Amino acid sequence: MKYRIGQIVEGKITGIQPYGAFVELEDQACGLIHISEISDGYVRDIGRFVSVGDTVRVKVIDYDEDAKQARLSLRALQHSRIRSTSGRIGAKATLPEGKLGFTSLSKQLDGWIEKAGKEIK
């Protein structure tokens, strides 16, 4: 089977190390879910999320066809809940329109501080 970046696949956890979990895929391919790709939150112990023998659905984030090795992500399949500027949970946060850069941000800083001070009062 040829794996593509972004593809969702199933695999079996074959090993766990402090830095990630190894996954057996179809066609003698294997993959690694790096600890940073386990969850959105802090992961102290990978064993709290997966166990050897578990079947998991993961997203392919990179694939080396010659080595038949994949970089995989559990985190990419989790539904992130971001609080938007309107306060609704689940909506995507958006940036104000316009071209922002370090220079334009520094020009806006004093105004933002003043506005925040008024909102606090």
PDB file of N, CA and C in Angstrom:
ATOM      1  N   MET A   1       0.849  -1.182   0.000  1.00  0.00           N
ATOM      2  CA  MET A   1       0.000   0.000   0.000  1.00  0.00           C
ATOM      3  C   MET A   1       0.892   1.242   0.000  1.00  0.00           C
ATOM      4  N   LYS A   2       0.553   2.213  -0.802  1.00  0.00           N
ATOM      5  CA  LYS A   2       1.296   3.464  -0.828  1.00  0.00           C
ATOM      6  C   LYS A   2       0.574   4.461   0.083  1.00  0.00           C
ATOM      7  N   TYR A   3       1.290   5.031   1.018  1.00  0.00           N
ATOM      8  CA  TYR A   3       0.704   5.974   1.964  1.00  0.00           C
ATOM      9  C   TYR A   3       0.916   7.400   1.473  1.00  0.00           C
ATOM     10  N   ARG A   4      -0.091   8.238   1.691  1.00  0.00           N
ATOM     11  CA  ARG A   4      -0.030   9.643   1.295  1.00  0.00           C
ATOM     12  C   ARG A   4      -0.119  10.513   2.540  1.00  0.00           C
ATOM     13  N   ILE A   5       0.535  11.654   2.492  1.00  0.00           N
ATOM     14  CA  ILE A   5       0.451  12.615   3.585  1.00  0.00           C
ATOM     15  C   ILE A   5      -1.002  13.068   3.703  1.00  0.00           C
ATOM     16  N   GLY A   6      -1.523  13.048   4.925  1.00  0.00           N
ATOM     17  CA  GLY A   6      -2.908  13.432   5.183  1.00  0.00           C
ATOM     18  C   GLY A   6      -3.866  12.256   5.233  1.00  0.00           C
ATOM     19  N   GLN A   7      -3.409  11.088   4.800  1.00  0.00           N
ATOM     20  CA  GLN A   7      -4.256   9.894   4.781  1.00  0.00           C
ATOM     21  C   GLN A   7      -4.509   9.406   6.214  1.00  0.00           C
ATOM     22  N   ILE A   8      -5.720   8.932   6.476  1.00  0.00           N
ATOM     23  CA  ILE A   8      -6.077   8.350   7.771  1.00  0.00           C
ATOM     24  C   ILE A   8      -5.973   6.834   7.623  1.00  0.00           C
ATOM     25  N   VAL A   9      -5.211   6.196   8.506  1.00  0.00           N
ATOM     26  CA  VAL A   9      -4.999   4.750   8.428  1.00  0.00           C
ATOM     27  C   VAL A   9      -5.159   4.130   9.812  1.00  0.00           C
ATOM     28  N   GLU A  10      -5.297   2.806   9.823  1.00  0.00           N
ATOM     29  CA  GLU A  10      -5.324   2.076  11.078  1.00  0.00           C
ATOM     30  C   GLU A  10      -4.046   1.282  11.212  1.00  0.00           C
ATOM     31  N   GLY A  11      -3.600   1.147  12.445  1.00  0.00           N
ATOM     32  CA  GLY A  11      -2.411   0.368  12.714  1.00  0.00           C
ATOM     33  C   GLY A  11      -2.463  -0.185  14.125  1.00  0.00           C
ATOM     34  N   LYS A  12      -1.497  -1.031  14.436  1.00  0.00           N
ATOM     35  CA  LYS A  12      -1.443  -1.681  15.738  1.00  0.00           C
ATOM     36  C   LYS A  12      -0.205  -1.205  16.486  1.00  0.00           C
ATOM     37  N   ILE A  13      -0.391  -0.786  17.729  1.00  0.00           N
ATOM     38  CA  ILE A  13       0.731  -0.348  18.568  1.00  0.00           C
ATOM     39  C   ILE A  13       1.590  -1.571  18.891  1.00  0.00           C
ATOM     40  N   THR A  14       2.878  -1.504  18.525  1.00  0.00           N
ATOM     41  CA  THR A  14       3.786  -2.632  18.765  1.00  0.00           C
ATOM     42  C   THR A  14       4.831  -2.338  19.835  1.00  0.00           C
ATOM     43  N   GLY A  15       4.981  -1.084  20.196  1.00  0.00           N
ATOM     44  CA  GLY A  15       5.964  -0.736  21.211  1.00  0.00           C
ATOM     45  C   GLY A  15       5.802   0.692  21.666  1.00  0.00           C
ATOM     46  N   ILE A  16       6.216   0.934  22.900  1.00  0.00           N
ATOM     47  CA  ILE A  16       6.132   2.282  23.471  1.00  0.00           C
ATOM     48  C   ILE A  16       7.477   2.628  24.078  1.00  0.00           C
ATOM     49  N   GLN A  17       7.967   3.802  23.749  1.00  0.00           N
ATOM     50  CA  GLN A  17       9.207   4.342  24.305  1.00  0.00           C
ATOM     51  C   GLN A  17       8.873   5.712  24.895  1.00  0.00           C
ATOM     52  N   PRO A  18       9.756   6.290  25.698  1.00  0.00           N
ATOM     53  CA  PRO A  18       9.473   7.609  26.280  1.00  0.00           C
ATOM     54  C   PRO A  18       9.242   8.702  25.227  1.00  0.00           C
ATOM     55  N   TYR A  19       9.758   8.517  24.029  1.00  0.00           N
ATOM     56  CA  TYR A  19       9.655   9.529  22.979  1.00  0.00           C
ATOM     57  C   TYR A  19       8.529   9.280  21.981  1.00  0.00           C
ATOM     58  N   GLY A  20       7.865   8.114  22.034  1.00  0.00           N
ATOM     59  CA  GLY A  20       6.792   7.850  21.088  1.00  0.00           C
ATOM     60  C   GLY A  20       6.328   6.410  21.092  1.00  0.00           C
ATOM     61  N   ALA A  21       5.330   6.148  20.227  1.00  0.00           N
ATOM     62  CA  ALA A  21       4.759   4.803  20.110  1.00  0.00           C
ATOM     63  C   ALA A  21       4.984   4.291  18.688  1.00  0.00           C
ATOM     64  N   PHE A  22       5.396   3.029  18.575  1.00  0.00           N
ATOM     65  CA  PHE A  22       5.618   2.403  17.282  1.00  0.00           C
ATOM     66  C   PHE A  22       4.333   1.734  16.821  1.00  0.00           C
ATOM     67  N   VAL A  23       4.068   1.857  15.516  1.00  0.00           N
ATOM     68  CA  VAL A  23       2.821   1.349  14.949  1.00  0.00           C
ATOM     69  C   VAL A  23       3.141   0.464  13.755  1.00  0.00           C
ATOM     70  N   GLU A  24       2.517  -0.715  13.729  1.00  0.00           N
ATOM     71  CA  GLU A  24       2.623  -1.610  12.585  1.00  0.00           C
ATOM     72  C   GLU A  24       1.493  -1.281  11.624  1.00  0.00           C
ATOM     73  N   LEU A  25       1.847  -1.035  10.367  1.00  0.00           N
ATOM     74  CA  LEU A  25       0.867  -0.719   9.333  1.00  0.00           C
ATOM     75  C   LEU A  25       0.791  -1.874   8.336  1.00  0.00           C
ATOM     76  N   GLU A  26      -0.081  -1.746   7.336  1.00  0.00           N
ATOM     77  CA  GLU A  26      -0.195  -2.768   6.302  1.00  0.00           C
ATOM     78  C   GLU A  26       1.063  -2.822   5.445  1.00  0.00           C
ATOM     79  N   ASP A  27       1.226  -3.924   4.724  1.00  0.00           N
ATOM     80  CA  ASP A  27       2.320  -4.109   3.761  1.00  0.00           C
ATOM     81  C   ASP A  27       3.701  -3.950   4.386  1.00  0.00           C
ATOM     82  N   GLN A  28       3.865  -4.437   5.579  1.00  0.00           N
ATOM     83  CA  GLN A  28       5.141  -4.427   6.286  1.00  0.00           C
ATOM     84  C   GLN A  28       5.712  -3.031   6.495  1.00  0.00           C
ATOM     85  N   ALA A  29       4.849  -2.042   6.480  1.00  0.00           N
ATOM     86  CA  ALA A  29       5.279  -0.675   6.781  1.00  0.00           C
ATOM     87  C   ALA A  29       5.134  -0.464   8.285  1.00  0.00           C
ATOM     88  N   CYS A  30       5.881   0.498   8.799  1.00  0.00           N
ATOM     89  CA  CYS A  30       5.787   0.821  10.219  1.00  0.00           C
ATOM     90  C   CYS A  30       5.782   2.335  10.378  1.00  0.00           C
ATOM     91  N   GLY A  31       5.418   2.763  11.556  1.00  0.00           N
ATOM     92  CA  GLY A  31       5.377   4.191  11.801  1.00  0.00           C
ATOM     93  C   GLY A  31       5.671   4.520  13.244  1.00  0.00           C
ATOM     94  N   LEU A  32       5.872   5.791  13.482  1.00  0.00           N
ATOM     95  CA  LEU A  32       6.119   6.290  14.825  1.00  0.00           C
ATOM     96  C   LEU A  32       5.184   7.455  15.086  1.00  0.00           C
ATOM     97  N   ILE A  33       4.520   7.387  16.229  1.00  0.00           N
ATOM     98  CA  ILE A  33       3.749   8.534  16.717  1.00  0.00           C
ATOM     99  C   ILE A  33       4.642   9.198  17.752  1.00  0.00           C
ATOM    100  N   HIS A  34       5.271  10.310  17.389  1.00  0.00           N
ATOM    101  CA  HIS A  34       6.139  11.021  18.316  1.00  0.00           C
ATOM    102  C   HIS A  34       5.301  11.535  19.481  1.00  0.00           C
ATOM    103  N   ILE A  35       5.885  11.664  20.645  1.00  0.00           N
ATOM    104  CA  ILE A  35       5.164  12.109  21.840  1.00  0.00           C
ATOM    105  C   ILE A  35       4.436  13.439  21.601  1.00  0.00           C
ATOM    106  N   SER A  36       4.993  14.287  20.757  1.00  0.00           N
ATOM    107  CA  SER A  36       4.358  15.575  20.470  1.00  0.00           C
ATOM    108  C   SER A  36       3.118  15.426  19.592  1.00  0.00           C
ATOM    109  N   GLU A  37       2.928  14.245  18.999  1.00  0.00           N
ATOM    110  CA  GLU A  37       1.778  13.990  18.134  1.00  0.00           C
ATOM    111  C   GLU A  37       0.736  13.094  18.799  1.00  0.00           C
ATOM    112  N   ILE A  38       0.883  12.863  20.103  1.00  0.00           N
ATOM    113  CA  ILE A  38      -0.072  12.017  20.834  1.00  0.00           C
ATOM    114  C   ILE A  38      -1.338  12.795  21.178  1.00  0.00           C
ATOM    115  N   SER A  39      -1.187  14.007  21.701  1.00  0.00           N
ATOM    116  CA  SER A  39      -2.335  14.778  22.179  1.00  0.00           C
ATOM    117  C   SER A  39      -2.036  16.265  22.113  1.00  0.00           C
ATOM    118  N   ASP A  40      -3.108  17.079  22.118  1.00  0.00           N
ATOM    119  CA  ASP A  40      -2.947  18.534  22.160  1.00  0.00           C
ATOM    120  C   ASP A  40      -2.345  18.980  23.482  1.00  0.00           C
ATOM    121  N   GLY A  41      -2.671  18.274  24.542  1.00  0.00           N
ATOM    122  CA  GLY A  41      -2.195  18.646  25.866  1.00  0.00           C
ATOM    123  C   GLY A  41      -0.829  18.050  26.169  1.00  0.00           C
ATOM    124  N   TYR A  42      -0.356  18.302  27.375  1.00  0.00           N
ATOM    125  CA  TYR A  42       0.935  17.787  27.818  1.00  0.00           C
ATOM    126  C   TYR A  42       0.858  16.271  28.000  1.00  0.00           C
ATOM    127  N   VAL A  43       1.826  15.555  27.474  1.00  0.00           N
ATOM    128  CA  VAL A  43       1.874  14.098  27.592  1.00  0.00           C
ATOM    129  C   VAL A  43       3.092  13.724  28.422  1.00  0.00           C
ATOM    130  N   ARG A  44       2.848  13.269  29.619  1.00  0.00           N
ATOM    131  CA  ARG A  44       3.934  12.824  30.491  1.00  0.00           C
ATOM    132  C   ARG A  44       4.226  11.348  30.243  1.00  0.00           C
ATOM    133  N   ASP A  45       3.149  10.562  30.083  1.00  0.00           N
ATOM    134  CA  ASP A  45       3.271   9.121  29.938  1.00  0.00           C
ATOM    135  C   ASP A  45       2.432   8.667  28.751  1.00  0.00           C
ATOM    136  N   ILE A  46       3.080   8.230  27.686  1.00  0.00           N
ATOM    137  CA  ILE A  46       2.380   7.790  26.482  1.00  0.00           C
ATOM    138  C   ILE A  46       1.458   6.620  26.795  1.00  0.00           C
ATOM    139  N   GLY A  47       1.840   5.800  27.751  1.00  0.00           N
ATOM    140  CA  GLY A  47       1.051   4.641  28.151  1.00  0.00           C
ATOM    141  C   GLY A  47      -0.329   4.991  28.684  1.00  0.00           C
ATOM    142  N   ARG A  48      -0.552   6.252  29.018  1.00  0.00           N
ATOM    143  CA  ARG A  48      -1.891   6.681  29.465  1.00  0.00           C
ATOM    144  C   ARG A  48      -2.814   6.909  28.273  1.00  0.00           C
ATOM    145  N   PHE A  49      -2.247   6.955  27.062  1.00  0.00           N
ATOM    146  CA  PHE A  49      -3.022   7.209  25.850  1.00  0.00           C
ATOM    147  C   PHE A  49      -3.170   5.969  24.977  1.00  0.00           C
ATOM    148  N   VAL A  50      -2.112   5.158  24.886  1.00  0.00           N
ATOM    149  CA  VAL A  50      -2.138   3.943  24.075  1.00  0.00           C
ATOM    150  C   VAL A  50      -1.393   2.830  24.809  1.00  0.00           C
ATOM    151  N   SER A  51      -1.744   1.584  24.444  1.00  0.00           N
ATOM    152  CA  SER A  51      -1.078   0.410  25.003  1.00  0.00           C
ATOM    153  C   SER A  51      -0.643  -0.512  23.873  1.00  0.00           C
ATOM    154  N   VAL A  52       0.377  -1.310  24.117  1.00  0.00           N
ATOM    155  CA  VAL A  52       0.817  -2.288  23.132  1.00  0.00           C
ATOM    156  C   VAL A  52      -0.360  -3.205  22.817  1.00  0.00           C
ATOM    157  N   GLY A  53      -0.600  -3.412  21.530  1.00  0.00           N
ATOM    158  CA  GLY A  53      -1.711  -4.246  21.082  1.00  0.00           C
ATOM    159  C   GLY A  53      -2.942  -3.461  20.658  1.00  0.00           C
ATOM    160  N   ASP A  54      -3.025  -2.176  21.038  1.00  0.00           N
ATOM    161  CA  ASP A  54      -4.163  -1.340  20.640  1.00  0.00           C
ATOM    162  C   ASP A  54      -4.175  -1.131  19.137  1.00  0.00           C
ATOM    163  N   THR A  55      -5.371  -1.104  18.562  1.00  0.00           N
ATOM    164  CA  THR A  55      -5.539  -0.688  17.174  1.00  0.00           C
ATOM    165  C   THR A  55      -5.916   0.782  17.208  1.00  0.00           C
ATOM    166  N   VAL A  56      -5.187   1.596  16.461  1.00  0.00           N
ATOM    167  CA  VAL A  56      -5.407   3.042  16.489  1.00  0.00           C
ATOM    168  C   VAL A  56      -5.619   3.586  15.083  1.00  0.00           C
ATOM    169  N   ARG A  57      -6.414   4.639  15.006  1.00  0.00           N
ATOM    170  CA  ARG A  57      -6.555   5.404  13.762  1.00  0.00           C
ATOM    171  C   ARG A  57      -5.622   6.597  13.877  1.00  0.00           C
ATOM    172  N   VAL A  58      -4.787   6.790  12.867  1.00  0.00           N
ATOM    173  CA  VAL A  58      -3.793   7.851  12.884  1.00  0.00           C
ATOM    174  C   VAL A  58      -3.759   8.546  11.532  1.00  0.00           C
ATOM    175  N   LYS A  59      -3.188   9.732  11.526  1.00  0.00           N
ATOM    176  CA  LYS A  59      -3.020  10.485  10.288  1.00  0.00           C
ATOM    177  C   LYS A  59      -1.558  10.426   9.886  1.00  0.00           C
ATOM    178  N   VAL A  60      -1.308  10.186   8.607  1.00  0.00           N
ATOM    179  CA  VAL A  60       0.056  10.148   8.081  1.00  0.00           C
ATOM    180  C   VAL A  60       0.515  11.591   7.882  1.00  0.00           C
ATOM    181  N   ILE A  61       1.597  11.976   8.561  1.00  0.00           N
ATOM    182  CA  ILE A  61       2.111  13.333   8.392  1.00  0.00           C
ATOM    183  C   ILE A  61       3.389  13.359   7.552  1.00  0.00           C
ATOM    184  N   ASP A  62       3.998  12.187   7.333  1.00  0.00           N
ATOM    185  CA  ASP A  62       5.134  12.064   6.430  1.00  0.00           C
ATOM    186  C   ASP A  62       5.331  10.580   6.150  1.00  0.00           C
ATOM    187  N   TYR A  63       5.862  10.263   4.977  1.00  0.00           N
ATOM    188  CA  TYR A  63       6.084   8.857   4.641  1.00  0.00           C
ATOM    189  C   TYR A  63       7.328   8.717   3.777  1.00  0.00           C
ATOM    190  N   ASP A  64       8.219   7.813   4.172  1.00  0.00           N
ATOM    191  CA  ASP A  64       9.426   7.478   3.411  1.00  0.00           C
ATOM    192  C   ASP A  64       9.147   6.147   2.715  1.00  0.00           C
ATOM    193  N   GLU A  65       8.884   6.214   1.405  1.00  0.00           N
ATOM    194  CA  GLU A  65       8.495   5.030   0.653  1.00  0.00           C
ATOM    195  C   GLU A  65       9.621   4.000   0.585  1.00  0.00           C
ATOM    196  N   ASP A  66      10.856   4.453   0.476  1.00  0.00           N
ATOM    197  CA  ASP A  66      11.986   3.522   0.388  1.00  0.00           C
ATOM    198  C   ASP A  66      12.155   2.721   1.678  1.00  0.00           C
ATOM    199  N   ALA A  67      12.051   3.388   2.807  1.00  0.00           N
ATOM    200  CA  ALA A  67      12.226   2.725   4.096  1.00  0.00           C
ATOM    201  C   ALA A  67      10.919   2.126   4.618  1.00  0.00           C
ATOM    202  N   LYS A  68       9.795   2.464   3.978  1.00  0.00           N
ATOM    203  CA  LYS A  68       8.455   2.043   4.424  1.00  0.00           C
ATOM    204  C   LYS A  68       8.214   2.463   5.879  1.00  0.00           C
ATOM    205  N   GLN A  69       8.555   3.729   6.165  1.00  0.00           N
ATOM    206  CA  GLN A  69       8.378   4.270   7.503  1.00  0.00           C
ATOM    207  C   GLN A  69       7.537   5.537   7.433  1.00  0.00           C
ATOM    208  N   ALA A  70       6.623   5.645   8.376  1.00  0.00           N
ATOM    209  CA  ALA A  70       5.711   6.788   8.399  1.00  0.00           C
ATOM    210  C   ALA A  70       5.847   7.556   9.703  1.00  0.00           C
ATOM    211  N   ARG A  71       5.671   8.866   9.609  1.00  0.00           N
ATOM    212  CA  ARG A  71       5.483   9.702  10.793  1.00  0.00           C
ATOM    213  C   ARG A  71       3.981   9.848  10.933  1.00  0.00           C
ATOM    214  N   LEU A  72       3.463   9.544  12.112  1.00  0.00           N
ATOM    215  CA  LEU A  72       2.023   9.480  12.328  1.00  0.00           C
ATOM    216  C   LEU A  72       1.582  10.425  13.422  1.00  0.00           C
ATOM    217  N   SER A  73       0.284  10.752  13.425  1.00  0.00           N
ATOM    218  CA  SER A  73      -0.255  11.656  14.433  1.00  0.00           C
ATOM    219  C   SER A  73      -1.615  11.187  14.921  1.00  0.00           C
ATOM    220  N   LEU A  74      -1.761  11.054  16.227  1.00  0.00           N
ATOM    221  CA  LEU A  74      -3.068  10.870  16.866  1.00  0.00           C
ATOM    222  C   LEU A  74      -3.697  12.239  17.096  1.00  0.00           C
ATOM    223  N   ARG A  75      -2.864  13.187  17.445  1.00  0.00           N
ATOM    224  CA  ARG A  75      -3.295  14.548  17.782  1.00  0.00           C
ATOM    225  C   ARG A  75      -4.060  15.194  16.632  1.00  0.00           C
ATOM    226  N   ALA A  76      -3.647  14.928  15.405  1.00  0.00           N
ATOM    227  CA  ALA A  76      -4.283  15.548  14.242  1.00  0.00           C
ATOM    228  C   ALA A  76      -5.735  15.107  14.073  1.00  0.00           C
ATOM    229  N   LEU A  77      -6.111  13.992  14.695  1.00  0.00           N
ATOM    230  CA  LEU A  77      -7.483  13.507  14.584  1.00  0.00           C
ATOM    231  C   LEU A  77      -8.362  13.965  15.743  1.00  0.00           C
ATOM    232  N   GLN A  78      -7.769  14.591  16.731  1.00  0.00           N
ATOM    233  CA  GLN A  78      -8.549  15.113  17.849  1.00  0.00           C
ATOM    234  C   GLN A  78      -9.221  16.404  17.409  1.00  0.00           C
ATOM    235  N   HIS A  79     -10.417  16.633  17.884  1.00  0.00           N
ATOM    236  CA  HIS A  79     -11.134  17.858  17.532  1.00  0.00           C
ATOM    237  C   HIS A  79     -10.762  18.939  18.535  1.00  0.00           C
ATOM    238  N   SER A  80      -9.926  19.860  18.093  1.00  0.00           N
ATOM    239  CA  SER A  80      -9.510  20.961  18.948  1.00  0.00           C
ATOM    240  C   SER A  80     -10.677  21.904  19.174  1.00  0.00           C
ATOM    241  N   ARG A  81     -10.779  22.391  20.384  1.00  0.00           N
ATOM    242  CA  ARG A  81     -11.802  23.368  20.704  1.00  0.00           C
ATOM    243  C   ARG A  81     -11.094  24.658  21.057  1.00  0.00           C
ATOM    244  N   ILE A  82     -11.219  25.628  20.180  1.00  0.00           N
ATOM    245  CA  ILE A  82     -10.533  26.902  20.352  1.00  0.00           C
ATOM    246  C   ILE A  82     -11.554  27.956  20.723  1.00  0.00           C
ATOM    247  N   ARG A  83     -11.277  28.740  21.731  1.00  0.00           N
ATOM    248  CA  ARG A  83     -12.174  29.824  22.112  1.00  0.00           C
ATOM    249  C   ARG A  83     -11.902  31.002  21.193  1.00  0.00           C
ATOM    250  N   SER A  84     -12.926  31.404  20.482  1.00  0.00           N
ATOM    251  CA  SER A  84     -12.763  32.503  19.534  1.00  0.00           C
ATOM    252  C   SER A  84     -12.902  33.836  20.254  1.00  0.00           C
ATOM    253  N   THR A  85     -12.692  34.901  19.513  1.00  0.00           N
ATOM    254  CA  THR A  85     -12.805  36.227  20.106  1.00  0.00           C
ATOM    255  C   THR A  85     -14.245  36.535  20.482  1.00  0.00           C
ATOM    256  N   SER A  86     -15.214  35.828  19.897  1.00  0.00           N
ATOM    257  CA  SER A  86     -16.620  36.057  20.251  1.00  0.00           C
ATOM    258  C   SER A  86     -17.005  35.290  21.511  1.00  0.00           C
ATOM    259  N   GLY A  87     -16.097  34.420  22.010  1.00  0.00           N
ATOM    260  CA  GLY A  87     -16.366  33.690  23.234  1.00  0.00           C
ATOM    261  C   GLY A  87     -17.030  32.345  23.009  1.00  0.00           C
ATOM    262  N   ARG A  88     -17.392  32.018  21.776  1.00  0.00           N
ATOM    263  CA  ARG A  88     -18.024  30.733  21.499  1.00  0.00           C
ATOM    264  C   ARG A  88     -16.950  29.656  21.456  1.00  0.00           C
ATOM    265  N   ILE A  89     -17.205  28.549  22.130  1.00  0.00           N
ATOM    266  CA  ILE A  89     -16.265  27.435  22.089  1.00  0.00           C
ATOM    267  C   ILE A  89     -16.552  26.620  20.850  1.00  0.00           C
ATOM    268  N   GLY A  90     -15.493  26.185  20.188  1.00  0.00           N
ATOM    269  CA  GLY A  90     -15.643  25.357  19.011  1.00  0.00           C
ATOM    270  C   GLY A  90     -15.482  26.141  17.723  1.00  0.00           C
ATOM    271  N   ALA A  91     -15.629  27.444  17.785  1.00  0.00           N
ATOM    272  CA  ALA A  91     -15.443  28.259  16.585  1.00  0.00           C
ATOM    273  C   ALA A  91     -13.956  28.515  16.398  1.00  0.00           C
ATOM    274  N   LYS A  92     -13.557  28.689  15.174  1.00  0.00           N
ATOM    275  CA  LYS A  92     -12.139  28.959  14.912  1.00  0.00           C
ATOM    276  C   LYS A  92     -11.830  30.415  15.202  1.00  0.00           C
ATOM    277  N   ALA A  93     -10.721  30.634  15.859  1.00  0.00           N
ATOM    278  CA  ALA A  93     -10.278  31.994  16.135  1.00  0.00           C
ATOM    279  C   ALA A  93      -9.772  32.622  14.844  1.00  0.00           C
ATOM    280  N   THR A  94     -10.010  33.887  14.685  1.00  0.00           N
ATOM    281  CA  THR A  94      -9.552  34.567  13.476  1.00  0.00           C
ATOM    282  C   THR A  94      -8.728  35.781  13.854  1.00  0.00           C
ATOM    283  N   LEU A  95      -7.816  36.136  12.982  1.00  0.00           N
ATOM    284  CA  LEU A  95      -7.004  37.324  13.177  1.00  0.00           C
ATOM    285  C   LEU A  95      -7.707  38.502  12.527  1.00  0.00           C
ATOM    286  N   PRO A  96      -7.460  39.693  13.017  1.00  0.00           N
ATOM    287  CA  PRO A  96      -8.048  40.853  12.355  1.00  0.00           C
ATOM    288  C   PRO A  96      -7.505  40.964  10.941  1.00  0.00           C
ATOM    289  N   GLU A  97      -8.340  41.487  10.054  1.00  0.00           N
ATOM    290  CA  GLU A  97      -7.908  41.626   8.672  1.00  0.00           C
ATOM    291  C   GLU A  97      -6.829  42.687   8.564  1.00  0.00           C
ATOM    292  N   GLY A  98      -6.032  42.557   7.555  1.00  0.00           N
ATOM    293  CA  GLY A  98      -4.959  43.512   7.328  1.00  0.00           C
ATOM    294  C   GLY A  98      -3.624  42.822   7.376  1.00  0.00           C
ATOM    295  N   LYS A  99      -2.632  43.491   6.894  1.00  0.00           N
ATOM    296  CA  LYS A  99      -1.292  42.921   6.873  1.00  0.00           C
ATOM    297  C   LYS A  99      -0.571  43.330   8.151  1.00  0.00           C
ATOM    298  N   LEU A 100      -0.261  42.338   8.981  1.00  0.00           N
ATOM    299  CA  LEU A 100       0.427  42.615  10.232  1.00  0.00           C
ATOM    300  C   LEU A 100       1.850  42.076  10.156  1.00  0.00           C
ATOM    301  N   GLY A 101       2.737  42.764  10.781  1.00  0.00           N
ATOM    302  CA  GLY A 101       4.126  42.344  10.881  1.00  0.00           C
ATOM    303  C   GLY A 101       4.675  42.911  12.166  1.00  0.00           C
ATOM    304  N   PHE A 102       5.934  42.692  12.445  1.00  0.00           N
ATOM    305  CA  PHE A 102       6.504  43.177  13.693  1.00  0.00           C
ATOM    306  C   PHE A 102       6.422  44.701  13.791  1.00  0.00           C
ATOM    307  N   THR A 103       6.661  45.382  12.699  1.00  0.00           N
ATOM    308  CA  THR A 103       6.631  46.840  12.729  1.00  0.00           C
ATOM    309  C   THR A 103       5.218  47.337  13.007  1.00  0.00           C
ATOM    310  N   SER A 104       4.241  46.808  12.269  1.00  0.00           N
ATOM    311  CA  SER A 104       2.870  47.273  12.482  1.00  0.00           C
ATOM    312  C   SER A 104       2.342  46.869  13.852  1.00  0.00           C
ATOM    313  N   LEU A 105       2.797  45.752  14.391  1.00  0.00           N
ATOM    314  CA  LEU A 105       2.394  45.344  15.736  1.00  0.00           C
ATOM    315  C   LEU A 105       2.918  46.329  16.776  1.00  0.00           C
ATOM    316  N   SER A 106       4.173  46.748  16.638  1.00  0.00           N
ATOM    317  CA  SER A 106       4.738  47.683  17.613  1.00  0.00           C
ATOM    318  C   SER A 106       4.032  49.031  17.556  1.00  0.00           C
ATOM    319  N   LYS A 107       3.565  49.413  16.373  1.00  0.00           N
ATOM    320  CA  LYS A 107       2.824  50.677  16.249  1.00  0.00           C
ATOM    321  C   LYS A 107       1.467  50.588  16.924  1.00  0.00           C
ATOM    322  N   GLN A 108       0.883  49.399  16.960  1.00  0.00           N
ATOM    323  CA  GLN A 108      -0.442  49.204  17.541  1.00  0.00           C
ATOM    324  C   GLN A 108      -0.404  48.978  19.054  1.00  0.00           C
ATOM    325  N   LEU A 109       0.729  48.614  19.590  1.00  0.00           N
ATOM    326  CA  LEU A 109       0.841  48.191  20.980  1.00  0.00           C
ATOM    327  C   LEU A 109       0.293  49.213  21.973  1.00  0.00           C
ATOM    328  N   ASP A 110       0.681  50.485  21.851  1.00  0.00           N
ATOM    329  CA  ASP A 110       0.218  51.497  22.801  1.00  0.00           C
ATOM    330  C   ASP A 110      -1.308  51.608  22.793  1.00  0.00           C
ATOM    331  N   GLY A 111      -1.903  51.581  21.625  1.00  0.00           N
ATOM    332  CA  GLY A 111      -3.360  51.654  21.524  1.00  0.00           C
ATOM    333  C   GLY A 111      -4.035  50.453  22.161  1.00  0.00           C
ATOM    334  N   TRP A 112      -3.463  49.262  21.971  1.00  0.00           N
ATOM    335  CA  TRP A 112      -4.028  48.055  22.560  1.00  0.00           C
ATOM    336  C   TRP A 112      -3.942  48.096  24.088  1.00  0.00           C
ATOM    337  N   ILE A 113      -2.834  48.597  24.610  1.00  0.00           N
ATOM    338  CA  ILE A 113      -2.679  48.698  26.055  1.00  0.00           C
ATOM    339  C   ILE A 113      -3.697  49.665  26.621  1.00  0.00           C
ATOM    340  N   GLU A 114      -3.877  50.781  25.968  1.00  0.00           N
ATOM    341  CA  GLU A 114      -4.847  51.773  26.421  1.00  0.00           C
ATOM    342  C   GLU A 114      -6.256  51.201  26.374  1.00  0.00           C
ATOM    343  N   LYS A 115      -6.607  50.508  25.316  1.00  0.00           N
ATOM    344  CA  LYS A 115      -7.935  49.910  25.183  1.00  0.00           C
ATOM    345  C   LYS A 115      -8.161  48.855  26.264  1.00  0.00           C
ATOM    346  N   ALA A 116      -7.152  48.017  26.521  1.00  0.00           N
ATOM    347  CA  ALA A 116      -7.271  46.990  27.566  1.00  0.00           C
ATOM    348  C   ALA A 116      -7.461  47.637  28.930  1.00  0.00           C
ATOM    349  N   GLY A 117      -6.750  48.724  29.190  1.00  0.00           N
ATOM    350  CA  GLY A 117      -6.905  49.419  30.469  1.00  0.00           C
ATOM    351  C   GLY A 117      -8.319  49.935  30.666  1.00  0.00           C
ATOM    352  N   LYS A 118      -8.932  50.462  29.617  1.00  0.00           N
ATOM    353  CA  LYS A 118     -10.309  50.939  29.703  1.00  0.00           C
ATOM    354  C   LYS A 118     -11.293  49.800  29.925  1.00  0.00           C
ATOM    355  N   GLU A 119     -11.045  48.650  29.273  1.00  0.00           N
ATOM    356  CA  GLU A 119     -11.926  47.499  29.421  1.00  0.00           C
ATOM    357  C   GLU A 119     -11.852  46.916  30.833  1.00  0.00           C
ATOM    358  N   ILE A 120     -10.689  46.988  31.459  1.00  0.00           N
ATOM    359  CA  ILE A 120     -10.523  46.462  32.809  1.00  0.00           C
ATOM    360  C   ILE A 120     -11.300  47.299  33.807  1.00  0.00           C
ATOM    361  N   LYS A 121     -11.319  48.643  33.592  1.00  0.00           N
ATOM    362  CA  LYS A 121     -12.016  49.535  34.510  1.00  0.00           C
ATOM    363  C   LYS A 121     -13.477  49.362  34.328  1.00  0.00           C
TER     364      LYS A 121
END
